[in-house]
Amino acid sequence: MTKKPTRKENTDLLQRGILCSLIGLAVLISPSFMAPSGMREAVAGSALVGWFALVLGVAFLGLYLRRRAIGKAP
């Protein structure tokens, strides 16, 4: 038997999803706003990390929404 997730666990999942998504978007979008420099190249080179963070954040948000939908089901 599985235990029902607590409200705190669901809130933590939502926060992690939002933060990971924002970090991923920041890593992917920020090089276009930076001045040409070594730092810009370093951030642009970490695009794979940005995609990973974005996908992980979307997965956390999807899990949160799934748990929320199951919790409201009769």
PDB file of N, CA and C in Angstrom:
ATOM      1  N   MET A   1       0.837  -1.178   0.000  1.00  0.00           N
ATOM      2  CA  MET A   1       0.000   0.000   0.000  1.00  0.00           C
ATOM      3  C   MET A   1       0.882   1.242   0.000  1.00  0.00           C
ATOM      4  N   THR A   2       0.480   2.211  -0.779  1.00  0.00           N
ATOM      5  CA  THR A   2       1.228   3.459  -0.833  1.00  0.00           C
ATOM      6  C   THR A   2       0.531   4.497   0.021  1.00  0.00           C
ATOM      7  N   LYS A   3       1.332   5.317   0.660  1.00  0.00           N
ATOM      8  CA  LYS A   3       0.738   6.367   1.482  1.00  0.00           C
ATOM      9  C   LYS A   3       0.410   7.573   0.616  1.00  0.00           C
ATOM     10  N   LYS A   4      -0.590   8.303   1.039  1.00  0.00           N
ATOM     11  CA  LYS A   4      -1.001   9.499   0.321  1.00  0.00           C
ATOM     12  C   LYS A   4       0.016  10.611   0.593  1.00  0.00           C
ATOM     13  N   PRO A   5       0.492  11.296  -0.462  1.00  0.00           N
ATOM     14  CA  PRO A   5       1.466  12.383  -0.243  1.00  0.00           C
ATOM     15  C   PRO A   5       0.866  13.504   0.602  1.00  0.00           C
ATOM     16  N   THR A   6       1.677  14.050   1.487  1.00  0.00           N
ATOM     17  CA  THR A   6       1.206  15.135   2.329  1.00  0.00           C
ATOM     18  C   THR A   6       1.188  16.445   1.544  1.00  0.00           C
ATOM     19  N   ARG A   7       0.554  17.417   2.113  1.00  0.00           N
ATOM     20  CA  ARG A   7       0.471  18.733   1.471  1.00  0.00           C
ATOM     21  C   ARG A   7       1.869  19.350   1.315  1.00  0.00           C
ATOM     22  N   LYS A   8       2.733  19.136   2.323  1.00  0.00           N
ATOM     23  CA  LYS A   8       4.092  19.672   2.271  1.00  0.00           C
ATOM     24  C   LYS A   8       4.881  19.025   1.127  1.00  0.00           C
ATOM     25  N   GLU A   9       4.737  17.721   0.946  1.00  0.00           N
ATOM     26  CA  GLU A   9       5.436  17.039  -0.142  1.00  0.00           C
ATOM     27  C   GLU A   9       4.980  17.571  -1.497  1.00  0.00           C
ATOM     28  N   ASN A  10       3.679  17.813  -1.633  1.00  0.00           N
ATOM     29  CA  ASN A  10       3.165  18.352  -2.891  1.00  0.00           C
ATOM     30  C   ASN A  10       3.660  19.774  -3.130  1.00  0.00           C
ATOM     31  N   THR A  11       3.701  20.571  -2.078  1.00  0.00           N
ATOM     32  CA  THR A  11       4.198  21.943  -2.207  1.00  0.00           C
ATOM     33  C   THR A  11       5.678  21.945  -2.574  1.00  0.00           C
ATOM     34  N   ASP A  12       6.454  21.054  -1.955  1.00  0.00           N
ATOM     35  CA  ASP A  12       7.879  20.944  -2.284  1.00  0.00           C
ATOM     36  C   ASP A  12       8.063  20.548  -3.746  1.00  0.00           C
ATOM     37  N   LEU A  13       7.232  19.641  -4.230  1.00  0.00           N
ATOM     38  CA  LEU A  13       7.315  19.211  -5.620  1.00  0.00           C
ATOM     39  C   LEU A  13       7.010  20.372  -6.563  1.00  0.00           C
ATOM     40  N   LEU A  14       6.016  21.171  -6.222  1.00  0.00           N
ATOM     41  CA  LEU A  14       5.668  22.341  -7.027  1.00  0.00           C
ATOM     42  C   LEU A  14       6.821  23.351  -7.040  1.00  0.00           C
ATOM     43  N   GLN A  15       7.406  23.610  -5.881  1.00  0.00           N
ATOM     44  CA  GLN A  15       8.518  24.563  -5.802  1.00  0.00           C
ATOM     45  C   GLN A  15       9.722  24.080  -6.607  1.00  0.00           C
ATOM     46  N   ARG A  16      10.048  22.803  -6.494  1.00  0.00           N
ATOM     47  CA  ARG A  16      11.173  22.257  -7.258  1.00  0.00           C
ATOM     48  C   ARG A  16      10.920  22.352  -8.754  1.00  0.00           C
ATOM     49  N   GLY A  17       9.684  22.073  -9.160  1.00  0.00           N
ATOM     50  CA  GLY A  17       9.351  22.155 -10.574  1.00  0.00           C
ATOM     51  C   GLY A  17       9.494  23.557 -11.125  1.00  0.00           C
ATOM     52  N   ILE A  18       9.002  24.528 -10.378  1.00  0.00           N
ATOM     53  CA  ILE A  18       9.096  25.916 -10.823  1.00  0.00           C
ATOM     54  C   ILE A  18      10.548  26.376 -10.875  1.00  0.00           C
ATOM     55  N   LEU A  19      11.316  26.072  -9.824  1.00  0.00           N
ATOM     56  CA  LEU A  19      12.714  26.511  -9.779  1.00  0.00           C
ATOM     57  C   LEU A  19      13.559  25.853 -10.868  1.00  0.00           C
ATOM     58  N   CYS A  20      13.398  24.547 -11.064  1.00  0.00           N
ATOM     59  CA  CYS A  20      14.173  23.867 -12.115  1.00  0.00           C
ATOM     60  C   CYS A  20      13.816  24.423 -13.487  1.00  0.00           C
ATOM     61  N   SER A  21      12.539  24.673 -13.717  1.00  0.00           N
ATOM     62  CA  SER A  21      12.123  25.223 -15.007  1.00  0.00           C
ATOM     63  C   SER A  21      12.709  26.610 -15.229  1.00  0.00           C
ATOM     64  N   LEU A  22      12.678  27.451 -14.203  1.00  0.00           N
ATOM     65  CA  LEU A  22      13.231  28.797 -14.334  1.00  0.00           C
ATOM     66  C   LEU A  22      14.741  28.772 -14.551  1.00  0.00           C
ATOM     67  N   ILE A  23      15.433  27.896 -13.848  1.00  0.00           N
ATOM     68  CA  ILE A  23      16.883  27.780 -14.035  1.00  0.00           C
ATOM     69  C   ILE A  23      17.195  27.310 -15.451  1.00  0.00           C
ATOM     70  N   GLY A  24      16.462  26.309 -15.923  1.00  0.00           N
ATOM     71  CA  GLY A  24      16.673  25.817 -17.273  1.00  0.00           C
ATOM     72  C   GLY A  24      16.437  26.888 -18.316  1.00  0.00           C
ATOM     73  N   LEU A  25      15.340  27.635 -18.158  1.00  0.00           N
ATOM     74  CA  LEU A  25      15.059  28.717 -19.104  1.00  0.00           C
ATOM     75  C   LEU A  25      16.132  29.797 -19.046  1.00  0.00           C
ATOM     76  N   ALA A  26      16.600  30.111 -17.847  1.00  0.00           N
ATOM     77  CA  ALA A  26      17.637  31.139 -17.709  1.00  0.00           C
ATOM     78  C   ALA A  26      18.925  30.724 -18.403  1.00  0.00           C
ATOM     79  N   VAL A  27      19.294  29.458 -18.254  1.00  0.00           N
ATOM     80  CA  VAL A  27      20.526  28.982 -18.890  1.00  0.00           C
ATOM     81  C   VAL A  27      20.377  28.977 -20.408  1.00  0.00           C
ATOM     82  N   LEU A  28      19.198  28.644 -20.901  1.00  0.00           N
ATOM     83  CA  LEU A  28      18.995  28.580 -22.347  1.00  0.00           C
ATOM     84  C   LEU A  28      18.848  29.950 -23.001  1.00  0.00           C
ATOM     85  N   ILE A  29      18.231  30.896 -22.299  1.00  0.00           N
ATOM     86  CA  ILE A  29      17.918  32.199 -22.891  1.00  0.00           C
ATOM     87  C   ILE A  29      19.001  33.250 -22.627  1.00  0.00           C
ATOM     88  N   SER A  30      19.683  33.157 -21.499  1.00  0.00           N
ATOM     89  CA  SER A  30      20.604  34.226 -21.098  1.00  0.00           C
ATOM     90  C   SER A  30      21.748  34.510 -22.073  1.00  0.00           C
ATOM     91  N   PRO A  31      22.309  33.544 -22.797  1.00  0.00           N
ATOM     92  CA  PRO A  31      23.414  33.907 -23.700  1.00  0.00           C
ATOM     93  C   PRO A  31      23.026  34.930 -24.765  1.00  0.00           C
ATOM     94  N   SER A  32      21.770  34.963 -25.148  1.00  0.00           N
ATOM     95  CA  SER A  32      21.374  35.932 -26.176  1.00  0.00           C
ATOM     96  C   SER A  32      21.329  37.364 -25.635  1.00  0.00           C
ATOM     97  N   PHE A  33      21.310  37.530 -24.315  1.00  0.00           N
ATOM     98  CA  PHE A  33      21.266  38.860 -23.712  1.00  0.00           C
ATOM     99  C   PHE A  33      22.618  39.309 -23.156  1.00  0.00           C
ATOM    100  N   MET A  34      23.611  38.431 -23.207  1.00  0.00           N
ATOM    101  CA  MET A  34      24.924  38.751 -22.641  1.00  0.00           C
ATOM    102  C   MET A  34      25.836  39.355 -23.705  1.00  0.00           C
ATOM    103  N   ALA A  35      26.736  40.185 -23.258  1.00  0.00           N
ATOM    104  CA  ALA A  35      27.739  40.755 -24.164  1.00  0.00           C
ATOM    105  C   ALA A  35      28.725  39.653 -24.564  1.00  0.00           C
ATOM    106  N   PRO A  36      29.265  39.744 -25.772  1.00  0.00           N
ATOM    107  CA  PRO A  36      30.229  38.718 -26.207  1.00  0.00           C
ATOM    108  C   PRO A  36      31.434  38.670 -25.258  1.00  0.00           C
ATOM    109  N   SER A  37      31.618  37.527 -24.638  1.00  0.00           N
ATOM    110  CA  SER A  37      32.739  37.345 -23.719  1.00  0.00           C
ATOM    111  C   SER A  37      32.920  35.853 -23.466  1.00  0.00           C
ATOM    112  N   GLY A  38      33.892  35.541 -22.669  1.00  0.00           N
ATOM    113  CA  GLY A  38      34.130  34.150 -22.312  1.00  0.00           C
ATOM    114  C   GLY A  38      33.005  33.573 -21.480  1.00  0.00           C
ATOM    115  N   MET A  39      32.409  34.429 -20.666  1.00  0.00           N
ATOM    116  CA  MET A  39      31.297  33.975 -19.827  1.00  0.00           C
ATOM    117  C   MET A  39      30.103  33.577 -20.681  1.00  0.00           C
ATOM    118  N   ARG A  40      29.858  34.357 -21.716  1.00  0.00           N
ATOM    119  CA  ARG A  40      28.749  34.039 -22.620  1.00  0.00           C
ATOM    120  C   ARG A  40      28.973  32.680 -23.281  1.00  0.00           C
ATOM    121  N   GLU A  41      30.198  32.429 -23.715  1.00  0.00           N
ATOM    122  CA  GLU A  41      30.517  31.150 -24.344  1.00  0.00           C
ATOM    123  C   GLU A  41      30.358  29.991 -23.358  1.00  0.00           C
ATOM    124  N   ALA A  42      30.714  30.225 -22.112  1.00  0.00           N
ATOM    125  CA  ALA A  42      30.583  29.176 -21.098  1.00  0.00           C
ATOM    126  C   ALA A  42      29.114  28.851 -20.835  1.00  0.00           C
ATOM    127  N   VAL A  43      28.298  29.888 -20.730  1.00  0.00           N
ATOM    128  CA  VAL A  43      26.869  29.664 -20.494  1.00  0.00           C
ATOM    129  C   VAL A  43      26.224  29.023 -21.721  1.00  0.00           C
ATOM    130  N   ALA A  44      26.603  29.468 -22.910  1.00  0.00           N
ATOM    131  CA  ALA A  44      26.060  28.880 -24.135  1.00  0.00           C
ATOM    132  C   ALA A  44      26.483  27.421 -24.273  1.00  0.00           C
ATOM    133  N   GLY A  45      27.673  27.094 -23.797  1.00  0.00           N
ATOM    134  CA  GLY A  45      28.158  25.725 -23.864  1.00  0.00           C
ATOM    135  C   GLY A  45      27.445  24.784 -22.904  1.00  0.00           C
ATOM    136  N   SER A  46      26.746  25.335 -21.935  1.00  0.00           N
ATOM    137  CA  SER A  46      26.035  24.498 -20.975  1.00  0.00           C
ATOM    138  C   SER A  46      24.550  24.370 -21.327  1.00  0.00           C
ATOM    139  N   ALA A  47      24.248  24.449 -22.603  1.00  0.00           N
ATOM    140  CA  ALA A  47      22.851  24.334 -23.039  1.00  0.00           C
ATOM    141  C   ALA A  47      22.256  22.975 -22.684  1.00  0.00           C
ATOM    142  N   LEU A  48      23.062  21.930 -22.692  1.00  0.00           N
ATOM    143  CA  LEU A  48      22.566  20.597 -22.337  1.00  0.00           C
ATOM    144  C   LEU A  48      22.073  20.578 -20.895  1.00  0.00           C
ATOM    145  N   VAL A  49      22.790  21.251 -20.018  1.00  0.00           N
ATOM    146  CA  VAL A  49      22.372  21.352 -18.621  1.00  0.00           C
ATOM    147  C   VAL A  49      21.061  22.129 -18.515  1.00  0.00           C
ATOM    148  N   GLY A  50      20.921  23.177 -19.306  1.00  0.00           N
ATOM    149  CA  GLY A  50      19.689  23.945 -19.316  1.00  0.00           C
ATOM    150  C   GLY A  50      18.503  23.117 -19.769  1.00  0.00           C
ATOM    151  N   TRP A  51      18.697  22.330 -20.824  1.00  0.00           N
ATOM    152  CA  TRP A  51      17.605  21.451 -21.291  1.00  0.00           C
ATOM    153  C   TRP A  51      17.246  20.409 -20.239  1.00  0.00           C
ATOM    154  N   PHE A  52      18.264  19.857 -19.578  1.00  0.00           N
ATOM    155  CA  PHE A  52      18.012  18.868 -18.534  1.00  0.00           C
ATOM    156  C   PHE A  52      17.198  19.484 -17.397  1.00  0.00           C
ATOM    157  N   ALA A  53      17.579  20.676 -16.950  1.00  0.00           N
ATOM    158  CA  ALA A  53      16.853  21.345 -15.868  1.00  0.00           C
ATOM    159  C   ALA A  53      15.425  21.664 -16.287  1.00  0.00           C
ATOM    160  N   LEU A  54      15.245  22.081 -17.526  1.00  0.00           N
ATOM    161  CA  LEU A  54      13.903  22.398 -18.009  1.00  0.00           C
ATOM    162  C   LEU A  54      13.025  21.147 -18.060  1.00  0.00           C
ATOM    163  N   VAL A  55      13.548  20.069 -18.583  1.00  0.00           N
ATOM    164  CA  VAL A  55      12.778  18.819 -18.661  1.00  0.00           C
ATOM    165  C   VAL A  55      12.475  18.286 -17.259  1.00  0.00           C
ATOM    166  N   LEU A  56      13.452  18.354 -16.366  1.00  0.00           N
ATOM    167  CA  LEU A  56      13.233  17.903 -14.996  1.00  0.00           C
ATOM    168  C   LEU A  56      12.162  18.747 -14.309  1.00  0.00           C
ATOM    169  N   GLY A  57      12.201  20.056 -14.512  1.00  0.00           N
ATOM    170  CA  GLY A  57      11.190  20.929 -13.926  1.00  0.00           C
ATOM    171  C   GLY A  57       9.802  20.641 -14.459  1.00  0.00           C
ATOM    172  N   VAL A  58       9.692  20.413 -15.755  1.00  0.00           N
ATOM    173  CA  VAL A  58       8.385  20.085 -16.345  1.00  0.00           C
ATOM    174  C   VAL A  58       7.894  18.738 -15.813  1.00  0.00           C
ATOM    175  N   ALA A  59       8.798  17.783 -15.603  1.00  0.00           N
ATOM    176  CA  ALA A  59       8.408  16.487 -15.049  1.00  0.00           C
ATOM    177  C   ALA A  59       7.897  16.646 -13.615  1.00  0.00           C
ATOM    178  N   PHE A  60       8.568  17.467 -12.817  1.00  0.00           N
ATOM    179  CA  PHE A  60       8.098  17.722 -11.457  1.00  0.00           C
ATOM    180  C   PHE A  60       6.724  18.374 -11.472  1.00  0.00           C
ATOM    181  N   LEU A  61       6.528  19.340 -12.350  1.00  0.00           N
ATOM    182  CA  LEU A  61       5.226  20.002 -12.436  1.00  0.00           C
ATOM    183  C   LEU A  61       4.145  19.026 -12.898  1.00  0.00           C
ATOM    184  N   GLY A  62       4.480  18.163 -13.840  1.00  0.00           N
ATOM    185  CA  GLY A  62       3.519  17.159 -14.292  1.00  0.00           C
ATOM    186  C   GLY A  62       3.145  16.201 -13.177  1.00  0.00           C
ATOM    187  N   LEU A  63       4.122  15.779 -12.375  1.00  0.00           N
ATOM    188  CA  LEU A  63       3.842  14.905 -11.249  1.00  0.00           C
ATOM    189  C   LEU A  63       2.973  15.612 -10.212  1.00  0.00           C
ATOM    190  N   TYR A  64       3.255  16.882  -9.974  1.00  0.00           N
ATOM    191  CA  TYR A  64       2.433  17.654  -9.043  1.00  0.00           C
ATOM    192  C   TYR A  64       0.982  17.716  -9.529  1.00  0.00           C
ATOM    193  N   LEU A  65       0.805  18.028 -10.810  1.00  0.00           N
ATOM    194  CA  LEU A  65      -0.553  18.122 -11.352  1.00  0.00           C
ATOM    195  C   LEU A  65      -1.264  16.769 -11.325  1.00  0.00           C
ATOM    196  N   ARG A  66      -0.519  15.704 -11.580  1.00  0.00           N
ATOM    197  CA  ARG A  66      -1.103  14.353 -11.525  1.00  0.00           C
ATOM    198  C   ARG A  66      -1.555  14.022 -10.121  1.00  0.00           C
ATOM    199  N   ARG A  67      -0.702  14.300  -9.134  1.00  0.00           N
ATOM    200  CA  ARG A  67      -1.090  14.044  -7.742  1.00  0.00           C
ATOM    201  C   ARG A  67      -2.305  14.870  -7.335  1.00  0.00           C
ATOM    202  N   ARG A  68      -2.326  16.097  -7.805  1.00  0.00           N
ATOM    203  CA  ARG A  68      -3.442  16.967  -7.461  1.00  0.00           C
ATOM    204  C   ARG A  68      -4.749  16.480  -8.082  1.00  0.00           C
ATOM    205  N   ALA A  69      -4.676  16.009  -9.326  1.00  0.00           N
ATOM    206  CA  ALA A  69      -5.866  15.491 -10.000  1.00  0.00           C
ATOM    207  C   ALA A  69      -6.360  14.214  -9.336  1.00  0.00           C
ATOM    208  N   ILE A  70      -5.436  13.350  -8.932  1.00  0.00           N
ATOM    209  CA  ILE A  70      -5.834  12.104  -8.269  1.00  0.00           C
ATOM    210  C   ILE A  70      -6.447  12.409  -6.908  1.00  0.00           C
ATOM    211  N   GLY A  71      -5.910  13.396  -6.230  1.00  0.00           N
ATOM    212  CA  GLY A  71      -6.431  13.762  -4.905  1.00  0.00           C
ATOM    213  C   GLY A  71      -7.842  14.303  -4.951  1.00  0.00           C
ATOM    214  N   LYS A  72      -8.241  14.905  -6.049  1.00  0.00           N
ATOM    215  CA  LYS A  72      -9.581  15.473  -6.177  1.00  0.00           C
ATOM    216  C   LYS A  72     -10.587  14.479  -6.762  1.00  0.00           C
ATOM    217  N   ALA A  73     -10.077  13.342  -7.255  1.00  0.00           N
ATOM    218  CA  ALA A  73     -10.975  12.345  -7.844  1.00  0.00           C
ATOM    219  C   ALA A  73     -11.833  11.721  -6.745  1.00  0.00           C
ATOM    220  N   PRO A  74     -13.092  11.434  -7.053  1.00  0.00           N
ATOM    221  CA  PRO A  74     -13.978  10.850  -6.026  1.00  0.00           C
ATOM    222  C   PRO A  74     -13.619   9.434  -5.691  1.00  0.00           C
TER     223      PRO A  74
END
